[in-house]
Amino acid sequence: MEENKASITASICAYARANAGSGEIPFKDPYAESFLSLTGKKEVERIIEGAKSGVYKLFSDVTISRAAWAEGNLRCFAAGHRTVQYVILGAGFDSFAWRNRDHSIKVFEVDHPDTQRLKLELADKLGIAQVQDTTFTGVDFSKDSLVERLLLSGFRPELPSFFTILGVCYYLPFEAFSQTIKAISEISKGKGRLLFDFQGRNFSKTVRGRALSDFTASLGEQMSNGYSLTSTEALLFRNGFSSLEHLEGSEILKRLAKGRTASEQIPDGVHFMAAAR
């Protein structure tokens, strides 16, 4: 990412979230339009108009459905505890910290220091810089320890914790993902949840999968080769997590949206996974 310039896929995610209220998936983000207005809305619309048919729709469906799925799970988890730490890894332009009205949820936004600095500068320009119950934790994963940075930010390992890694694993090698899961396991000692999404090994070999991979690559953000479901489940088990929920492809929108035809579903190869410990 260039200095003082947002990741283009992060801006497209913001565009999708800004327009989510008009779709079938129950999710609204009133702050997304504001962030987008300062990060190049016209450029995003130009890219979408030039994209292959159906690519943006797939990108948008995945973006909105994972947000609705994750926040629904968070609300259920928080309802059973007096205090919950919500750790958003790779927060991007996620605006939950500003939308949150549940003071039992303490938010830790984790992202690269440069990305986080840009986001807070934009929030300041929008007049929404002040946000309650939130800690912004800058982590450069190439040299910083996630565990150390979270502890320095006030994270309490003994409290119930809810971690999300959304829209990140598509670009993350499995070894790097493994190290992140190991760090989460090391720092979270209380009851916990871990939610993430990823693409399977053969996703890029499907027509729509290849189209999406080519689309992000054209924006300078190359997808990884994907993860084996067996290897992913084994990784969770080794780090003390048990699989709680697994949604794939068409199952995602069957859960979150009504009235979609088979041709309008998210294709197999896109995975949403929730784990517990």
Protein backbone atom coordinates (compact mmCIF):
# COMPACT_ATOMS: atom_id res chain seq x y z
CA MET A 1 0.00 0.00 0.00
CA GLU A 2 1.32 3.43 -0.92
CA GLU A 3 1.74 5.90 1.92
CA ASN A 4 -1.52 7.76 2.66
CA LYS A 5 -3.39 5.63 0.11
CA ALA A 6 -5.83 2.87 0.97
CA SER A 7 -5.60 -0.67 -0.38
CA ILE A 8 -7.89 -0.72 -3.40
CA THR A 9 -9.55 -3.96 -2.29
CA ALA A 10 -10.20 -2.35 1.11
CA SER A 11 -11.90 0.52 -0.70
CA ILE A 12 -13.98 -1.91 -2.78
CA CYS A 13 -15.01 -3.67 0.44
CA ALA A 14 -16.09 -0.29 1.82
CA TYR A 15 -18.10 0.31 -1.37
CA ALA A 16 -19.82 -3.06 -0.95
CA ARG A 17 -20.59 -2.36 2.70
CA ALA A 18 -21.91 1.12 1.86
CA ASN A 19 -24.42 -0.44 -0.55
CA ALA A 20 -25.30 -3.43 1.62
CA GLY A 21 -28.57 -2.02 2.94
CA SER A 22 -30.26 -2.38 -0.45
CA GLY A 23 -29.47 -6.10 -0.80
CA GLU A 24 -30.88 -9.37 0.55
CA ILE A 25 -28.26 -9.87 3.27
CA PRO A 26 -29.25 -8.18 6.57
CA PHE A 27 -26.31 -5.84 7.18
CA LYS A 28 -25.90 -2.06 7.29
CA ASP A 29 -22.76 0.04 7.69
CA PRO A 30 -23.59 3.77 7.73
CA TYR A 31 -19.91 4.73 8.08
CA ALA A 32 -18.66 2.91 4.99
CA GLU A 33 -19.88 5.62 2.61
CA SER A 34 -18.05 8.25 4.66
CA PHE A 35 -14.74 6.37 4.59
CA LEU A 36 -15.18 5.70 0.89
CA SER A 37 -15.78 9.38 0.12
CA LEU A 38 -12.21 10.09 1.21
CA THR A 39 -10.53 7.06 -0.38
CA GLY A 40 -11.56 7.31 -4.02
CA LYS A 41 -15.20 6.43 -4.66
CA LYS A 42 -14.95 7.40 -8.35
CA GLU A 43 -11.90 5.19 -8.84
CA VAL A 44 -13.71 2.25 -7.24
CA GLU A 45 -16.76 2.78 -9.48
CA ARG A 46 -14.47 2.93 -12.54
CA ILE A 47 -12.85 -0.38 -11.55
CA ILE A 48 -16.22 -2.03 -10.95
CA GLU A 49 -17.56 -0.85 -14.30
CA GLY A 50 -14.52 -2.29 -16.07
CA ALA A 51 -14.59 -5.63 -14.27
CA LYS A 52 -15.80 -8.84 -15.89
CA SER A 53 -19.48 -9.60 -15.48
CA GLY A 54 -20.29 -11.08 -12.09
CA VAL A 55 -16.90 -10.50 -10.46
CA TYR A 56 -17.93 -7.51 -8.36
CA LYS A 57 -21.17 -9.25 -7.36
CA LEU A 58 -19.17 -12.20 -6.05
CA PHE A 59 -16.71 -9.89 -4.26
CA SER A 60 -19.60 -7.95 -2.71
CA ASP A 61 -21.55 -11.05 -1.64
CA VAL A 62 -18.53 -12.50 0.17
CA THR A 63 -17.72 -9.15 1.81
CA ILE A 64 -21.21 -8.45 3.12
CA SER A 65 -22.11 -12.01 4.10
CA ARG A 66 -18.94 -12.54 6.16
CA ALA A 67 -19.55 -9.25 8.00
CA ALA A 68 -23.17 -10.18 8.79
CA TRP A 69 -22.14 -13.72 9.80
CA ALA A 70 -19.29 -12.58 12.05
CA GLU A 71 -21.19 -9.81 13.83
CA GLY A 72 -24.18 -12.08 14.38
CA ASN A 73 -21.89 -14.62 16.02
CA LEU A 74 -20.26 -11.87 18.08
CA ARG A 75 -23.61 -10.67 19.45
CA CYS A 76 -24.53 -14.23 20.48
CA PHE A 77 -21.15 -14.75 22.16
CA ALA A 78 -21.25 -11.41 23.97
CA ALA A 79 -24.75 -12.08 25.30
CA GLY A 80 -23.36 -14.81 27.51
CA HIS A 81 -20.55 -12.79 29.12
CA ARG A 82 -20.19 -9.58 31.15
CA THR A 83 -17.07 -8.52 29.24
CA VAL A 84 -15.81 -9.64 25.82
CA GLN A 85 -12.64 -8.63 24.00
CA TYR A 86 -13.27 -8.40 20.24
CA VAL A 87 -10.00 -8.55 18.29
CA ILE A 88 -10.29 -7.60 14.60
CA LEU A 89 -7.17 -8.75 12.75
CA GLY A 90 -6.69 -6.84 9.49
CA ALA A 91 -9.43 -4.36 10.35
CA GLY A 92 -9.17 -2.27 7.18
CA PHE A 93 -12.18 0.10 7.01
CA ASP A 94 -14.31 -2.04 9.33
CA SER A 95 -16.47 0.38 11.32
CA PHE A 96 -17.79 -1.89 14.08
CA ALA A 97 -15.96 0.19 16.70
CA TRP A 98 -18.09 3.21 15.72
CA ARG A 99 -21.31 1.22 15.36
CA ASN A 100 -20.95 -0.71 18.61
CA ARG A 101 -23.48 0.19 21.31
CA ASP A 102 -22.74 -2.75 23.60
CA HIS A 103 -20.29 -1.55 26.25
CA SER A 104 -19.59 -5.11 27.32
CA ILE A 105 -17.61 -5.46 24.06
CA LYS A 106 -14.10 -3.98 24.14
CA VAL A 107 -12.67 -3.71 20.63
CA PHE A 108 -9.03 -4.17 19.62
CA GLU A 109 -8.44 -3.13 16.02
CA VAL A 110 -5.22 -4.74 14.77
CA ASP A 111 -3.66 -3.66 11.49
CA HIS A 112 -0.40 -2.49 9.94
CA PRO A 113 0.67 0.82 11.57
CA ASP A 114 0.56 2.71 8.25
CA THR A 115 -2.93 1.42 7.40
CA GLN A 116 -4.15 2.22 10.88
CA ARG A 117 -2.67 5.71 10.81
CA LEU A 118 -4.47 6.43 7.53
CA LYS A 119 -7.78 5.15 8.91
CA LEU A 120 -7.55 7.32 12.02
CA GLU A 121 -6.61 10.37 9.92
CA LEU A 122 -9.71 9.76 7.78
CA ALA A 123 -11.85 9.34 10.90
CA ASP A 124 -10.53 12.64 12.20
CA LYS A 125 -11.44 14.39 8.92
CA LEU A 126 -14.91 12.89 9.18
CA GLY A 127 -15.28 14.11 12.75
CA ILE A 128 -15.61 10.60 14.19
CA ALA A 129 -12.12 10.18 15.64
CA GLN A 130 -13.42 9.69 19.19
CA VAL A 131 -14.64 6.14 19.74
CA GLN A 132 -15.37 4.39 23.04
CA ASP A 133 -14.22 0.96 24.24
CA THR A 134 -11.67 0.62 21.43
CA THR A 135 -7.91 0.22 21.30
CA PHE A 136 -6.02 0.62 18.02
CA THR A 137 -3.05 -1.75 17.95
CA GLY A 138 -0.53 -1.31 15.15
CA VAL A 139 1.29 -4.54 14.25
CA ASP A 140 3.86 -5.00 11.50
CA PHE A 141 3.73 -8.79 11.19
CA SER A 142 7.10 -8.84 9.43
CA LYS A 143 8.83 -7.77 12.65
CA ASP A 144 6.34 -7.36 15.52
CA SER A 145 4.91 -9.99 17.87
CA LEU A 146 1.11 -10.03 17.88
CA VAL A 147 1.15 -11.38 21.44
CA GLU A 148 3.46 -8.67 22.73
CA ARG A 149 1.62 -5.86 20.96
CA LEU A 150 -1.80 -6.97 22.23
CA LEU A 151 -0.55 -7.34 25.80
CA LEU A 152 0.98 -3.85 25.66
CA SER A 153 -2.39 -2.57 24.41
CA GLY A 154 -4.18 -3.89 27.48
CA PHE A 155 -5.47 -7.24 26.22
CA ARG A 156 -6.29 -9.55 29.15
CA PRO A 157 -5.70 -13.24 28.31
CA GLU A 158 -8.08 -14.54 30.99
CA LEU A 159 -11.17 -12.73 29.62
CA PRO A 160 -13.53 -14.21 27.00
CA SER A 161 -12.23 -13.21 23.57
CA PHE A 162 -13.63 -13.16 20.05
CA PHE A 163 -11.11 -13.03 17.16
CA THR A 164 -11.89 -12.43 13.49
CA ILE A 165 -9.61 -12.71 10.46
CA LEU A 166 -11.87 -11.64 7.59
CA GLY A 167 -10.84 -10.99 4.00
CA VAL A 168 -7.18 -11.59 4.89
CA CYS A 169 -6.51 -15.30 4.37
CA TYR A 170 -7.17 -15.05 0.62
CA TYR A 171 -3.80 -13.30 0.31
CA LEU A 172 -1.97 -14.95 3.21
CA PRO A 173 0.33 -18.01 2.78
CA PHE A 174 -0.72 -20.92 4.96
CA GLU A 175 2.48 -20.75 7.02
CA ALA A 176 1.79 -17.13 7.95
CA PHE A 177 -1.81 -18.04 8.82
CA SER A 178 -0.49 -20.89 11.00
CA GLN A 179 1.72 -18.51 12.94
CA THR A 180 -1.24 -16.19 13.52
CA ILE A 181 -3.40 -19.04 14.86
CA LYS A 182 -0.54 -20.10 17.12
CA ALA A 183 -0.26 -16.54 18.49
CA ILE A 184 -4.01 -16.37 19.13
CA SER A 185 -3.87 -19.68 20.98
CA GLU A 186 -0.93 -18.45 23.05
CA ILE A 187 -2.54 -15.20 24.18
CA SER A 188 -6.18 -16.26 24.64
CA LYS A 189 -6.60 -18.41 27.76
CA GLY A 190 -10.27 -17.80 28.53
CA LYS A 191 -13.33 -18.89 26.59
CA GLY A 192 -12.94 -17.88 23.00
CA ARG A 193 -14.15 -17.83 19.43
CA LEU A 194 -12.18 -17.56 16.20
CA LEU A 195 -13.89 -16.72 12.89
CA PHE A 196 -12.18 -16.52 9.51
CA ASP A 197 -12.80 -17.00 5.80
CA PHE A 198 -10.54 -18.46 3.13
CA GLN A 199 -10.54 -20.05 -0.31
CA GLY A 200 -9.93 -23.77 -0.86
CA ARG A 201 -7.12 -25.30 -2.87
CA ASN A 202 -9.12 -25.65 -6.08
CA PHE A 203 -11.00 -22.35 -5.93
CA SER A 204 -8.85 -20.62 -8.56
CA LYS A 205 -9.46 -23.54 -10.95
CA THR A 206 -13.18 -22.79 -11.13
CA VAL A 207 -14.45 -20.23 -13.64
CA ARG A 208 -15.68 -17.72 -11.05
CA GLY A 209 -12.75 -18.39 -8.75
CA ARG A 210 -10.25 -17.67 -11.50
CA ALA A 211 -12.16 -14.51 -12.45
CA LEU A 212 -11.99 -13.25 -8.86
CA SER A 213 -8.30 -14.15 -8.53
CA ASP A 214 -7.50 -12.36 -11.81
CA PHE A 215 -9.52 -9.35 -10.65
CA THR A 216 -7.60 -8.88 -7.40
CA ALA A 217 -4.28 -9.59 -9.15
CA SER A 218 -5.05 -6.80 -11.63
CA LEU A 219 -5.32 -4.48 -8.60
CA GLY A 220 -1.88 -5.54 -7.37
CA GLU A 221 -3.20 -7.89 -4.67
CA GLN A 222 -2.40 -11.49 -5.58
CA MET A 223 -4.36 -14.27 -3.91
CA SER A 224 -2.54 -17.20 -2.31
CA ASN A 225 -2.91 -20.80 -3.50
CA GLY A 226 -5.66 -21.45 -0.95
CA TYR A 227 -5.84 -23.77 2.04
CA SER A 228 -6.62 -27.45 2.37
CA LEU A 229 -9.69 -27.96 4.55
CA THR A 230 -8.04 -30.95 6.24
CA SER A 231 -4.87 -28.97 7.00
CA THR A 232 -6.91 -26.05 8.32
CA GLU A 233 -8.93 -28.23 10.67
CA ALA A 234 -5.75 -29.97 11.86
CA LEU A 235 -4.14 -26.59 12.54
CA LEU A 236 -7.08 -25.54 14.71
CA PHE A 237 -6.99 -28.82 16.65
CA ARG A 238 -3.24 -28.52 17.33
CA ASN A 239 -3.83 -25.09 18.81
CA GLY A 240 -6.65 -26.08 21.12
CA PHE A 241 -9.63 -25.08 18.94
CA SER A 242 -12.57 -27.24 17.92
CA SER A 243 -14.58 -26.56 14.78
CA LEU A 244 -17.91 -24.92 15.66
CA GLU A 245 -19.35 -24.04 12.26
CA HIS A 246 -18.28 -24.46 8.65
CA LEU A 247 -20.14 -22.90 5.74
CA GLU A 248 -19.07 -23.37 2.14
CA GLY A 249 -20.20 -21.81 -1.11
CA SER A 250 -23.96 -21.92 -1.60
CA GLU A 251 -24.52 -22.74 2.09
CA ILE A 252 -23.37 -19.22 2.99
CA LEU A 253 -26.18 -17.37 1.26
CA LYS A 254 -28.74 -20.05 2.11
CA ARG A 255 -28.07 -19.08 5.71
CA LEU A 256 -27.95 -15.32 5.20
CA ALA A 257 -30.03 -14.46 2.13
CA LYS A 258 -33.36 -15.66 0.77
CA GLY A 259 -34.55 -16.12 -2.77
CA ARG A 260 -31.24 -16.63 -4.54
CA THR A 261 -31.17 -18.96 -7.55
CA ALA A 262 -28.36 -21.52 -7.88
CA SER A 263 -26.52 -19.36 -10.42
CA GLU A 264 -26.50 -16.43 -8.00
CA GLN A 265 -24.91 -18.29 -5.09
CA ILE A 266 -21.35 -17.96 -3.84
CA PRO A 267 -19.43 -20.81 -5.52
CA ASP A 268 -17.96 -23.75 -3.65
CA GLY A 269 -14.40 -23.07 -2.60
CA VAL A 270 -15.24 -20.07 -0.42
CA HIS A 271 -15.18 -21.16 3.24
CA PHE A 272 -16.44 -19.48 6.43
CA MET A 273 -15.20 -21.22 9.56
CA ALA A 274 -15.90 -20.63 13.26
CA ALA A 275 -13.89 -22.37 15.99
CA ALA A 276 -14.20 -22.47 19.77
CA ARG A 277 -12.00 -23.21 22.75
